[in-house]
Protein backbone atom coordinates (compact mmCIF):
# COMPACT_ATOMS: atom_id res chain seq x y z
CA MET A 1 -3.52 2.55 44.64
CA THR A 2 -7.10 1.55 43.90
CA ASP A 3 -7.89 0.00 40.54
CA THR A 4 -9.13 2.62 38.08
CA ILE A 5 -11.79 0.34 36.62
CA ASP A 6 -13.21 -0.33 40.10
CA LEU A 7 -13.36 3.39 40.85
CA LEU A 8 -15.06 4.16 37.54
CA GLU A 9 -17.57 1.39 38.24
CA ALA A 10 -18.28 2.79 41.72
CA ILE A 11 -18.77 6.30 40.29
CA GLY A 12 -21.17 4.94 37.67
CA GLN A 13 -23.22 2.97 40.19
CA ASP A 14 -23.56 5.76 42.77
CA ALA A 15 -25.95 8.47 41.58
CA SER A 16 -24.52 11.00 44.03
CA LEU A 17 -21.03 10.48 42.58
CA ARG A 18 -22.20 10.39 38.98
CA HIS A 19 -23.57 13.91 39.26
CA ALA A 20 -20.99 15.19 41.76
CA SER A 21 -18.91 18.30 41.18
CA THR A 22 -15.30 18.08 40.07
CA GLU A 23 -14.18 19.10 43.57
CA ASP A 24 -16.23 16.37 45.28
CA LEU A 25 -14.96 13.73 42.87
CA GLY A 26 -11.40 14.95 43.35
CA LYS A 27 -11.70 14.58 47.14
CA MET A 28 -13.18 11.09 46.79
CA LEU A 29 -10.41 10.04 44.40
CA ALA A 30 -7.74 11.41 46.76
CA GLN A 31 -9.19 9.38 49.64
CA ALA A 32 -9.30 6.28 47.43
CA GLN A 33 -5.69 6.86 46.30
CA ALA A 34 -6.74 6.95 42.66
CA SER A 35 -4.17 6.96 39.89
CA ASP A 36 -2.75 10.23 38.62
CA ALA A 37 -4.33 9.63 35.21
CA LEU A 38 -7.84 9.22 36.67
CA THR A 39 -7.42 12.25 38.91
CA ALA A 40 -6.22 14.35 35.95
CA ALA A 41 -9.06 13.08 33.74
CA VAL A 42 -11.67 14.06 36.35
CA ALA A 43 -10.08 17.46 36.96
CA SER A 44 -9.90 18.33 33.26
CA GLY A 45 -12.99 16.47 32.03
CA ASP A 46 -10.82 14.78 29.40
CA SER A 47 -11.20 10.99 29.35
CA SER A 48 -8.42 10.62 26.77
CA LEU A 49 -5.94 11.04 29.65
CA LEU A 50 -6.83 7.48 30.67
CA SER A 51 -5.71 6.01 27.33
CA GLU A 52 -2.15 5.24 28.41
CA GLU A 53 -3.27 3.69 31.70
CA PHE A 54 -5.65 1.36 29.89
CA GLY A 55 -3.00 0.40 27.33
CA PHE A 56 -4.65 2.06 24.37
CA MET A 57 -2.90 1.42 21.09
CA ALA A 58 -3.95 3.12 17.89
CA ASN A 59 -5.62 0.73 15.50
CA LYS A 60 -3.87 1.05 12.18
CA THR A 61 -5.83 -0.81 9.57
CA VAL A 62 -4.46 -1.86 6.25
CA GLU A 63 -6.78 -1.19 3.37
CA THR A 64 -6.87 -3.78 0.63
CA ILE A 65 -9.01 -4.06 -2.45
CA LEU A 66 -9.96 -7.46 -3.75
CA SER A 67 -11.44 -7.98 -7.19
CA PRO A 68 -12.20 -11.10 -9.19
CA ALA A 69 -9.54 -12.36 -11.54
CA ARG A 70 -10.00 -11.89 -15.28
CA GLU A 71 -9.61 -14.66 -17.76
CA ASP A 72 -6.78 -14.21 -20.22
CA GLU A 73 -7.99 -12.56 -23.38
CA PRO A 74 -6.29 -13.26 -26.69
CA GLU A 75 -4.16 -10.38 -27.86
CA GLU A 76 -5.18 -8.60 -31.03
CA ASP A 77 -2.58 -7.81 -33.67
CA ASP A 78 -3.39 -4.11 -33.91
CA PRO A 79 -6.57 -3.07 -32.13
CA LEU A 80 -6.42 0.47 -33.61
CA GLU A 81 -6.88 -0.65 -37.23
CA ALA A 82 -10.37 -1.50 -38.45
CA PRO A 83 -10.70 -4.84 -40.23
CA VAL A 84 -10.78 -4.60 -44.05
CA PRO A 85 -13.57 -6.59 -45.69
CA ASP A 86 -12.66 -9.11 -48.37
CA ALA A 87 -12.98 -7.85 -51.94
CA VAL A 88 -16.25 -8.88 -53.54
CA PRO A 89 -16.21 -9.29 -57.33
CA LEU A 90 -18.62 -7.05 -59.18
CA PRO A 91 -21.18 -8.73 -61.36
CA SER A 92 -20.24 -8.61 -65.03
CA LYS A 93 -22.52 -7.03 -67.64
CA LYS A 94 -23.27 -9.07 -70.74
């Protein structure tokens, strides 16, 4: 069995193969004893059939969010109540 990468490279370098019909490519791959995955990919026009042969593994990324730390703020006794101003004595009339 010929290496799939080598066959793909040869197809890419040869203009007559690059623009060849599916039948012509199929015959060439049969003569070269290409892998079943490459032959199926050429026949169907679906390159995803080569994923398993190339060892494709889905990339599962973990999403994280980083934010700067906040300094500790002093707790308020009751933030819902408005502060009451101190009583101011009224000036006396004489």
